[in-house]
Amino acid sequence: MDRTRRALDELELERLDGLEGLEGGFLARLPRVAADRLLAEAIRINLPAGALIYRDEESPRLIVVVKGLLRVFVTSVDGRQVTVRYARSGDVAGLALVLGGPAPMSIQAMTASLVVALRVDTMRALLARDPGVASACAEELTRQLHELLADLSDQAFRSVRQRLVRQLLLLATPDPGRRLVVRAAQQELADAIGSVREVITRNLHVLHSEGLIDTSRDEIVLLDPERLAEEAGGRP
């Protein structure tokens, strides 16, 4: 049994525990034969929080998220970062790299994550000869473009507070006590909305004083998600 086969066997064991992401996301929109071939050659990767799975200008990687949260970000020449997209269960990251080659962007795990890396050369071959694969990839890239345009309009037209609140709602996940919790550093929040850490600290303090959030050293609890969603403009 070779290394890839062992990885796939582990993936099957995980699937028994509920890998809805692979069944309801990007791969599910591909023709079944194409999706099966990609998964047959896939490699399963466990990523710790903070791990970089793709760096600027490296050889392209094609990643499908099974569990966890990834972010796609760009870095300025002076080291500042801006998050341009998040990828959750079922989402694909790196599809544009398959078509356009290496790009000045990076992909990082925000939380401990389980992903599968698909073979880039296989995807390119499928794109070249299967119209169904080409159509599904075009739809996915269009969807990502629309999300990016919506985020750009948020950055341009909403206040820092509104952008921060929306970011908290985007990143929030339920904990065992059914609270919505954000586990992100203040600098990460600043990078995500194009601000600076001092401004984020000040706005978090105000939100805390208003009873909308609770903060500790390593997490932010959303105490009133409904009010926060209203403030964010109804589109968390």
C-alpha atoms as a PDB file:
ATOM      1  CA  MET A   1       0.000   0.000   0.000  1.00  0.00           C
ATOM      2  CA  ASP A   2       1.620   3.262  -1.102  1.00  0.00           C
ATOM      3  CA  ARG A   3       1.701   6.567   0.734  1.00  0.00           C
ATOM      4  CA  THR A   4      -1.190   8.119  -1.219  1.00  0.00           C
ATOM      5  CA  ARG A   5      -3.369   5.063  -0.637  1.00  0.00           C
ATOM      6  CA  ARG A   6      -2.710   5.231   3.114  1.00  0.00           C
ATOM      7  CA  ALA A   7      -3.652   8.928   3.107  1.00  0.00           C
ATOM      8  CA  LEU A   8      -6.893   8.139   1.299  1.00  0.00           C
ATOM      9  CA  ASP A   9      -7.706   5.356   3.720  1.00  0.00           C
ATOM     10  CA  GLU A  10      -7.361   7.833   6.573  1.00  0.00           C
ATOM     11  CA  LEU A  11      -9.595  10.247   4.669  1.00  0.00           C
ATOM     12  CA  GLU A  12     -12.271   7.559   4.359  1.00  0.00           C
ATOM     13  CA  LEU A  13     -12.119   6.985   8.117  1.00  0.00           C
ATOM     14  CA  GLU A  14     -12.587  10.716   8.662  1.00  0.00           C
ATOM     15  CA  ARG A  15     -15.514  10.742   6.245  1.00  0.00           C
ATOM     16  CA  LEU A  16     -17.367   8.254   8.420  1.00  0.00           C
ATOM     17  CA  ASP A  17     -17.198  10.908  11.133  1.00  0.00           C
ATOM     18  CA  GLY A  18     -18.999  13.411   8.907  1.00  0.00           C
ATOM     19  CA  LEU A  19     -17.003  15.114   6.161  1.00  0.00           C
ATOM     20  CA  GLU A  20     -19.917  17.010   4.681  1.00  0.00           C
ATOM     21  CA  GLY A  21     -17.489  19.571   3.274  1.00  0.00           C
ATOM     22  CA  LEU A  22     -16.283  17.290   0.506  1.00  0.00           C
ATOM     23  CA  GLU A  23     -19.818  16.267  -0.389  1.00  0.00           C
ATOM     24  CA  GLY A  24     -21.508  19.659  -0.418  1.00  0.00           C
ATOM     25  CA  GLY A  25     -18.881  22.084  -1.647  1.00  0.00           C
ATOM     26  CA  PHE A  26     -16.738  22.688  -4.715  1.00  0.00           C
ATOM     27  CA  LEU A  27     -16.076  19.020  -5.468  1.00  0.00           C
ATOM     28  CA  ALA A  28     -19.803  18.275  -5.477  1.00  0.00           C
ATOM     29  CA  ARG A  29     -20.280  20.785  -8.292  1.00  0.00           C
ATOM     30  CA  LEU A  30     -17.802  18.972 -10.536  1.00  0.00           C
ATOM     31  CA  PRO A  31     -18.853  16.058 -12.744  1.00  0.00           C
ATOM     32  CA  ARG A  32     -18.796  12.949 -10.567  1.00  0.00           C
ATOM     33  CA  VAL A  33     -16.117  11.153 -12.612  1.00  0.00           C
ATOM     34  CA  ALA A  34     -13.816  14.184 -12.400  1.00  0.00           C
ATOM     35  CA  ALA A  35     -14.341  14.607  -8.651  1.00  0.00           C
ATOM     36  CA  ASP A  36     -13.662  10.911  -8.050  1.00  0.00           C
ATOM     37  CA  ARG A  37     -10.421  11.085 -10.013  1.00  0.00           C
ATOM     38  CA  LEU A  38      -9.220  14.169  -8.140  1.00  0.00           C
ATOM     39  CA  LEU A  39      -9.975  12.563  -4.780  1.00  0.00           C
ATOM     40  CA  ALA A  40      -8.291   9.326  -5.823  1.00  0.00           C
ATOM     41  CA  GLU A  41      -5.032  11.256  -6.168  1.00  0.00           C
ATOM     42  CA  ALA A  42      -5.548  13.635  -3.247  1.00  0.00           C
ATOM     43  CA  ILE A  43      -3.293  13.986  -0.234  1.00  0.00           C
ATOM     44  CA  ARG A  44      -4.767  14.568   3.217  1.00  0.00           C
ATOM     45  CA  ILE A  45      -3.061  17.276   5.299  1.00  0.00           C
ATOM     46  CA  ASN A  46      -3.620  18.271   8.931  1.00  0.00           C
ATOM     47  CA  LEU A  47      -2.673  21.912   9.491  1.00  0.00           C
ATOM     48  CA  PRO A  48      -2.066  23.525  12.874  1.00  0.00           C
ATOM     49  CA  ALA A  49      -3.436  27.031  13.409  1.00  0.00           C
ATOM     50  CA  GLY A  50      -1.151  29.587  11.800  1.00  0.00           C
ATOM     51  CA  ALA A  51       0.425  27.214   9.276  1.00  0.00           C
ATOM     52  CA  LEU A  52       1.078  28.538   5.773  1.00  0.00           C
ATOM     53  CA  ILE A  53       0.086  26.092   3.056  1.00  0.00           C
ATOM     54  CA  TYR A  54       0.981  28.408   0.160  1.00  0.00           C
ATOM     55  CA  ARG A  55       3.426  31.320   0.038  1.00  0.00           C
ATOM     56  CA  ASP A  56       3.795  34.105  -2.506  1.00  0.00           C
ATOM     57  CA  GLU A  57       4.899  32.868  -5.926  1.00  0.00           C
ATOM     58  CA  GLU A  58       5.398  29.198  -4.961  1.00  0.00           C
ATOM     59  CA  SER A  59       4.318  26.432  -7.306  1.00  0.00           C
ATOM     60  CA  PRO A  60       0.496  26.414  -7.458  1.00  0.00           C
ATOM     61  CA  ARG A  61      -1.466  24.430  -4.891  1.00  0.00           C
ATOM     62  CA  LEU A  62      -5.119  23.423  -5.041  1.00  0.00           C
ATOM     63  CA  ILE A  63      -6.672  22.968  -1.611  1.00  0.00           C
ATOM     64  CA  VAL A  64     -10.169  21.890  -0.569  1.00  0.00           C
ATOM     65  CA  VAL A  65     -11.093  22.544   3.068  1.00  0.00           C
ATOM     66  CA  VAL A  66     -12.664  19.645   4.931  1.00  0.00           C
ATOM     67  CA  LYS A  67     -12.667  21.135   8.438  1.00  0.00           C
ATOM     68  CA  GLY A  68     -11.399  24.446   9.747  1.00  0.00           C
ATOM     69  CA  LEU A  69     -10.841  27.925   8.364  1.00  0.00           C
ATOM     70  CA  LEU A  70      -8.232  29.175   5.898  1.00  0.00           C
ATOM     71  CA  ARG A  71      -7.546  32.719   4.798  1.00  0.00           C
ATOM     72  CA  VAL A  72      -6.129  34.015   1.534  1.00  0.00           C
ATOM     73  CA  PHE A  73      -4.112  37.189   1.983  1.00  0.00           C
ATOM     74  CA  VAL A  74      -1.723  39.536   0.208  1.00  0.00           C
ATOM     75  CA  THR A  75       1.294  41.243   1.751  1.00  0.00           C
ATOM     76  CA  SER A  76       2.587  44.722   0.945  1.00  0.00           C
ATOM     77  CA  VAL A  77       6.263  45.505   0.386  1.00  0.00           C
ATOM     78  CA  ASP A  78       6.461  46.866   3.954  1.00  0.00           C
ATOM     79  CA  GLY A  79       5.020  43.686   5.460  1.00  0.00           C
ATOM     80  CA  ARG A  80       1.394  44.685   6.030  1.00  0.00           C
ATOM     81  CA  GLN A  81      -1.239  42.058   5.275  1.00  0.00           C
ATOM     82  CA  VAL A  82      -4.787  42.242   3.954  1.00  0.00           C
ATOM     83  CA  THR A  83      -7.126  39.254   4.002  1.00  0.00           C
ATOM     84  CA  VAL A  84      -8.990  38.963   0.708  1.00  0.00           C
ATOM     85  CA  ARG A  85     -10.952  35.759   1.273  1.00  0.00           C
ATOM     86  CA  TYR A  86     -11.797  33.027   3.779  1.00  0.00           C
ATOM     87  CA  ALA A  87     -12.263  29.361   2.895  1.00  0.00           C
ATOM     88  CA  ARG A  88     -14.398  27.066   5.030  1.00  0.00           C
ATOM     89  CA  SER A  89     -15.630  23.477   4.841  1.00  0.00           C
ATOM     90  CA  GLY A  90     -16.184  22.550   1.195  1.00  0.00           C
ATOM     91  CA  ASP A  91     -14.474  25.648  -0.208  1.00  0.00           C
ATOM     92  CA  VAL A  92     -11.566  25.522  -2.627  1.00  0.00           C
ATOM     93  CA  ALA A  93      -8.471  27.724  -2.384  1.00  0.00           C
ATOM     94  CA  GLY A  94      -5.871  28.124  -5.107  1.00  0.00           C
ATOM     95  CA  LEU A  95      -8.128  27.565  -8.122  1.00  0.00           C
ATOM     96  CA  ALA A  96      -6.912  30.798  -9.735  1.00  0.00           C
ATOM     97  CA  LEU A  97      -3.344  29.513  -9.337  1.00  0.00           C
ATOM     98  CA  VAL A  98      -4.213  26.471 -11.428  1.00  0.00           C
ATOM     99  CA  LEU A  99      -5.247  28.697 -14.314  1.00  0.00           C
ATOM    100  CA  GLY A 100      -2.888  31.644 -13.924  1.00  0.00           C
ATOM    101  CA  GLY A 101       0.172  30.168 -12.226  1.00  0.00           C
ATOM    102  CA  PRO A 102       1.964  31.497  -9.136  1.00  0.00           C
ATOM    103  CA  ALA A 103       0.583  34.738  -7.702  1.00  0.00           C
ATOM    104  CA  PRO A 104       1.523  37.253  -4.976  1.00  0.00           C
ATOM    105  CA  MET A 105      -0.813  35.796  -2.350  1.00  0.00           C
ATOM    106  CA  SER A 106      -0.569  33.360   0.546  1.00  0.00           C
ATOM    107  CA  ILE A 107      -2.902  30.806   2.129  1.00  0.00           C
ATOM    108  CA  GLN A 108      -2.855  30.265   5.894  1.00  0.00           C
ATOM    109  CA  ALA A 109      -4.805  28.140   8.372  1.00  0.00           C
ATOM    110  CA  MET A 110      -6.622  30.370  10.863  1.00  0.00           C
ATOM    111  CA  THR A 111      -7.639  27.360  12.968  1.00  0.00           C
ATOM    112  CA  ALA A 112      -6.459  23.773  13.172  1.00  0.00           C
ATOM    113  CA  SER A 113      -7.694  22.464   9.827  1.00  0.00           C
ATOM    114  CA  LEU A 114      -8.065  19.303   7.781  1.00  0.00           C
ATOM    115  CA  VAL A 115      -7.605  19.838   4.034  1.00  0.00           C
ATOM    116  CA  VAL A 116      -7.044  17.763   0.928  1.00  0.00           C
ATOM    117  CA  ALA A 117      -4.496  18.830  -1.664  1.00  0.00           C
ATOM    118  CA  LEU A 118      -5.602  18.006  -5.217  1.00  0.00           C
ATOM    119  CA  ARG A 119      -3.160  17.390  -8.050  1.00  0.00           C
ATOM    120  CA  VAL A 120      -2.757  20.578 -10.072  1.00  0.00           C
ATOM    121  CA  ASP A 121      -1.726  18.782 -13.262  1.00  0.00           C
ATOM    122  CA  THR A 122      -4.790  16.534 -13.068  1.00  0.00           C
ATOM    123  CA  MET A 123      -7.094  19.515 -12.675  1.00  0.00           C
ATOM    124  CA  ARG A 124      -5.467  21.240 -15.649  1.00  0.00           C
ATOM    125  CA  ALA A 125      -5.910  18.118 -17.774  1.00  0.00           C
ATOM    126  CA  LEU A 126      -9.577  17.864 -16.779  1.00  0.00           C
ATOM    127  CA  LEU A 127     -10.118  21.539 -17.553  1.00  0.00           C
ATOM    128  CA  ALA A 128      -8.670  21.082 -21.022  1.00  0.00           C
ATOM    129  CA  ARG A 129     -10.954  18.226 -22.059  1.00  0.00           C
ATOM    130  CA  ASP A 130     -14.076  18.227 -19.857  1.00  0.00           C
ATOM    131  CA  PRO A 131     -16.547  21.089 -20.465  1.00  0.00           C
ATOM    132  CA  GLY A 132     -18.355  20.223 -17.249  1.00  0.00           C
ATOM    133  CA  VAL A 133     -15.200  20.784 -15.204  1.00  0.00           C
ATOM    134  CA  ALA A 134     -14.466  24.041 -17.039  1.00  0.00           C
ATOM    135  CA  SER A 135     -18.005  25.285 -16.400  1.00  0.00           C
ATOM    136  CA  ALA A 136     -17.886  24.414 -12.686  1.00  0.00           C
ATOM    137  CA  CYS A 137     -14.519  26.142 -12.270  1.00  0.00           C
ATOM    138  CA  ALA A 138     -15.755  29.241 -14.120  1.00  0.00           C
ATOM    139  CA  GLU A 139     -18.798  29.410 -11.828  1.00  0.00           C
ATOM    140  CA  GLU A 140     -16.604  29.029  -8.750  1.00  0.00           C
ATOM    141  CA  LEU A 141     -14.189  31.771  -9.826  1.00  0.00           C
ATOM    142  CA  THR A 142     -17.132  34.050 -10.637  1.00  0.00           C
ATOM    143  CA  ARG A 143     -18.581  33.429  -7.183  1.00  0.00           C
ATOM    144  CA  GLN A 144     -15.241  34.270  -5.583  1.00  0.00           C
ATOM    145  CA  LEU A 145     -15.000  37.450  -7.677  1.00  0.00           C
ATOM    146  CA  HIS A 146     -18.461  38.581  -6.564  1.00  0.00           C
ATOM    147  CA  GLU A 147     -17.500  37.992  -2.925  1.00  0.00           C
ATOM    148  CA  LEU A 148     -14.327  40.010  -3.415  1.00  0.00           C
ATOM    149  CA  LEU A 149     -16.241  42.913  -4.982  1.00  0.00           C
ATOM    150  CA  ALA A 150     -18.693  42.878  -2.075  1.00  0.00           C
ATOM    151  CA  ASP A 151     -15.803  42.947   0.400  1.00  0.00           C
ATOM    152  CA  LEU A 152     -14.140  45.819  -1.468  1.00  0.00           C
ATOM    153  CA  SER A 153     -17.333  47.847  -1.253  1.00  0.00           C
ATOM    154  CA  ASP A 154     -17.476  47.136   2.487  1.00  0.00           C
ATOM    155  CA  GLN A 155     -13.916  48.389   2.895  1.00  0.00           C
ATOM    156  CA  ALA A 156     -14.703  51.539   0.943  1.00  0.00           C
ATOM    157  CA  PHE A 157     -18.133  52.507   2.268  1.00  0.00           C
ATOM    158  CA  ARG A 158     -18.472  51.136   5.808  1.00  0.00           C
ATOM    159  CA  SER A 159     -16.990  52.490   9.004  1.00  0.00           C
ATOM    160  CA  VAL A 160     -14.161  50.707  10.790  1.00  0.00           C
ATOM    161  CA  ARG A 161     -16.613  49.633  13.483  1.00  0.00           C
ATOM    162  CA  GLN A 162     -19.009  48.135  10.926  1.00  0.00           C
ATOM    163  CA  ARG A 163     -16.168  46.328   9.153  1.00  0.00           C
ATOM    164  CA  LEU A 164     -14.863  44.992  12.464  1.00  0.00           C
ATOM    165  CA  VAL A 165     -18.295  43.756  13.549  1.00  0.00           C
ATOM    166  CA  ARG A 166     -18.799  42.037  10.201  1.00  0.00           C
ATOM    167  CA  GLN A 167     -15.372  40.420  10.511  1.00  0.00           C
ATOM    168  CA  LEU A 168     -16.228  39.098  13.972  1.00  0.00           C
ATOM    169  CA  LEU A 169     -19.430  37.577  12.606  1.00  0.00           C
ATOM    170  CA  LEU A 170     -17.541  35.993   9.715  1.00  0.00           C
ATOM    171  CA  LEU A 171     -14.985  34.373  12.011  1.00  0.00           C
ATOM    172  CA  ALA A 172     -17.293  33.332  14.849  1.00  0.00           C
ATOM    173  CA  THR A 173     -17.736  29.628  15.537  1.00  0.00           C
ATOM    174  CA  PRO A 174     -19.863  27.963  18.226  1.00  0.00           C
ATOM    175  CA  ASP A 175     -18.068  26.499  21.234  1.00  0.00           C
ATOM    176  CA  PRO A 176     -19.323  23.566  23.354  1.00  0.00           C
ATOM    177  CA  GLY A 177     -21.387  26.010  25.413  1.00  0.00           C
ATOM    178  CA  ARG A 178     -23.108  27.220  22.209  1.00  0.00           C
ATOM    179  CA  ARG A 179     -21.520  30.640  22.454  1.00  0.00           C
ATOM    180  CA  LEU A 180     -20.224  32.281  19.297  1.00  0.00           C
ATOM    181  CA  VAL A 181     -16.482  32.700  19.780  1.00  0.00           C
ATOM    182  CA  VAL A 182     -13.794  34.370  17.682  1.00  0.00           C
ATOM    183  CA  ARG A 183     -10.232  33.187  18.158  1.00  0.00           C
ATOM    184  CA  ALA A 184      -8.143  35.754  16.337  1.00  0.00           C
ATOM    185  CA  ALA A 185      -5.460  38.186  17.409  1.00  0.00           C
ATOM    186  CA  GLN A 186      -6.198  41.895  17.206  1.00  0.00           C
ATOM    187  CA  GLN A 187      -3.490  42.280  14.571  1.00  0.00           C
ATOM    188  CA  GLU A 188      -5.199  39.603  12.469  1.00  0.00           C
ATOM    189  CA  LEU A 189      -8.473  41.514  12.709  1.00  0.00           C
ATOM    190  CA  ALA A 190      -6.697  44.711  11.699  1.00  0.00           C
ATOM    191  CA  ASP A 191      -5.086  42.987   8.706  1.00  0.00           C
ATOM    192  CA  ALA A 192      -8.423  41.567   7.629  1.00  0.00           C
ATOM    193  CA  ILE A 193     -10.226  44.912   7.445  1.00  0.00           C
ATOM    194  CA  GLY A 194      -7.365  47.166   6.389  1.00  0.00           C
ATOM    195  CA  SER A 195      -6.913  48.972   9.702  1.00  0.00           C
ATOM    196  CA  VAL A 196      -4.313  49.111  12.476  1.00  0.00           C
ATOM    197  CA  ARG A 197      -4.165  47.303  15.821  1.00  0.00           C
ATOM    198  CA  GLU A 198      -4.667  50.428  17.943  1.00  0.00           C
ATOM    199  CA  VAL A 199      -7.946  51.220  16.199  1.00  0.00           C
ATOM    200  CA  ILE A 200      -9.146  47.637  16.606  1.00  0.00           C
ATOM    201  CA  THR A 201      -8.317  47.712  20.324  1.00  0.00           C
ATOM    202  CA  ARG A 202     -10.284  50.914  20.791  1.00  0.00           C
ATOM    203  CA  ASN A 203     -13.345  49.600  18.937  1.00  0.00           C
ATOM    204  CA  LEU A 204     -13.305  46.287  20.800  1.00  0.00           C
ATOM    205  CA  HIS A 205     -13.240  48.195  24.075  1.00  0.00           C
ATOM    206  CA  VAL A 206     -16.320  50.182  23.013  1.00  0.00           C
ATOM    207  CA  LEU A 207     -18.173  47.048  21.904  1.00  0.00           C
ATOM    208  CA  HIS A 208     -17.322  45.454  25.251  1.00  0.00           C
ATOM    209  CA  SER A 209     -18.558  48.486  27.191  1.00  0.00           C
ATOM    210  CA  GLU A 210     -21.847  48.302  25.271  1.00  0.00           C
ATOM    211  CA  GLY A 211     -22.355  44.672  26.270  1.00  0.00           C
ATOM    212  CA  LEU A 212     -22.069  43.339  22.722  1.00  0.00           C
ATOM    213  CA  ILE A 213     -18.924  41.257  23.228  1.00  0.00           C
ATOM    214  CA  ASP A 214     -16.793  39.819  25.991  1.00  0.00           C
ATOM    215  CA  THR A 215     -13.037  39.684  25.555  1.00  0.00           C
ATOM    216  CA  SER A 216     -10.186  37.716  27.044  1.00  0.00           C
ATOM    217  CA  ARG A 217      -6.567  37.243  26.081  1.00  0.00           C
ATOM    218  CA  ASP A 218      -7.204  34.632  23.404  1.00  0.00           C
ATOM    219  CA  GLU A 219     -10.872  34.904  22.409  1.00  0.00           C
ATOM    220  CA  ILE A 220     -13.803  37.229  21.778  1.00  0.00           C
ATOM    221  CA  VAL A 221     -17.304  36.051  22.694  1.00  0.00           C
ATOM    222  CA  LEU A 222     -20.248  37.528  20.781  1.00  0.00           C
ATOM    223  CA  LEU A 223     -22.846  38.219  23.453  1.00  0.00           C
ATOM    224  CA  ASP A 224     -25.533  39.685  21.171  1.00  0.00           C
ATOM    225  CA  PRO A 225     -25.098  38.349  17.608  1.00  0.00           C
ATOM    226  CA  GLU A 226     -28.447  39.753  16.447  1.00  0.00           C
ATOM    227  CA  ARG A 227     -27.568  43.324  17.365  1.00  0.00           C
ATOM    228  CA  LEU A 228     -24.128  42.886  15.881  1.00  0.00           C
ATOM    229  CA  ALA A 229     -25.633  41.605  12.608  1.00  0.00           C
ATOM    230  CA  GLU A 230     -27.942  44.613  12.463  1.00  0.00           C
ATOM    231  CA  GLU A 231     -24.989  46.937  12.957  1.00  0.00           C
ATOM    232  CA  ALA A 232     -22.977  45.150  10.277  1.00  0.00           C
ATOM    233  CA  GLY A 233     -25.723  45.910   7.776  1.00  0.00           C
ATOM    234  CA  GLY A 234     -27.645  42.664   7.845  1.00  0.00           C
ATOM    235  CA  ARG A 235     -25.053  40.736   5.757  1.00  0.00           C
ATOM    236  CA  PRO A 236     -22.614  39.011   8.087  1.00  0.00           C
END
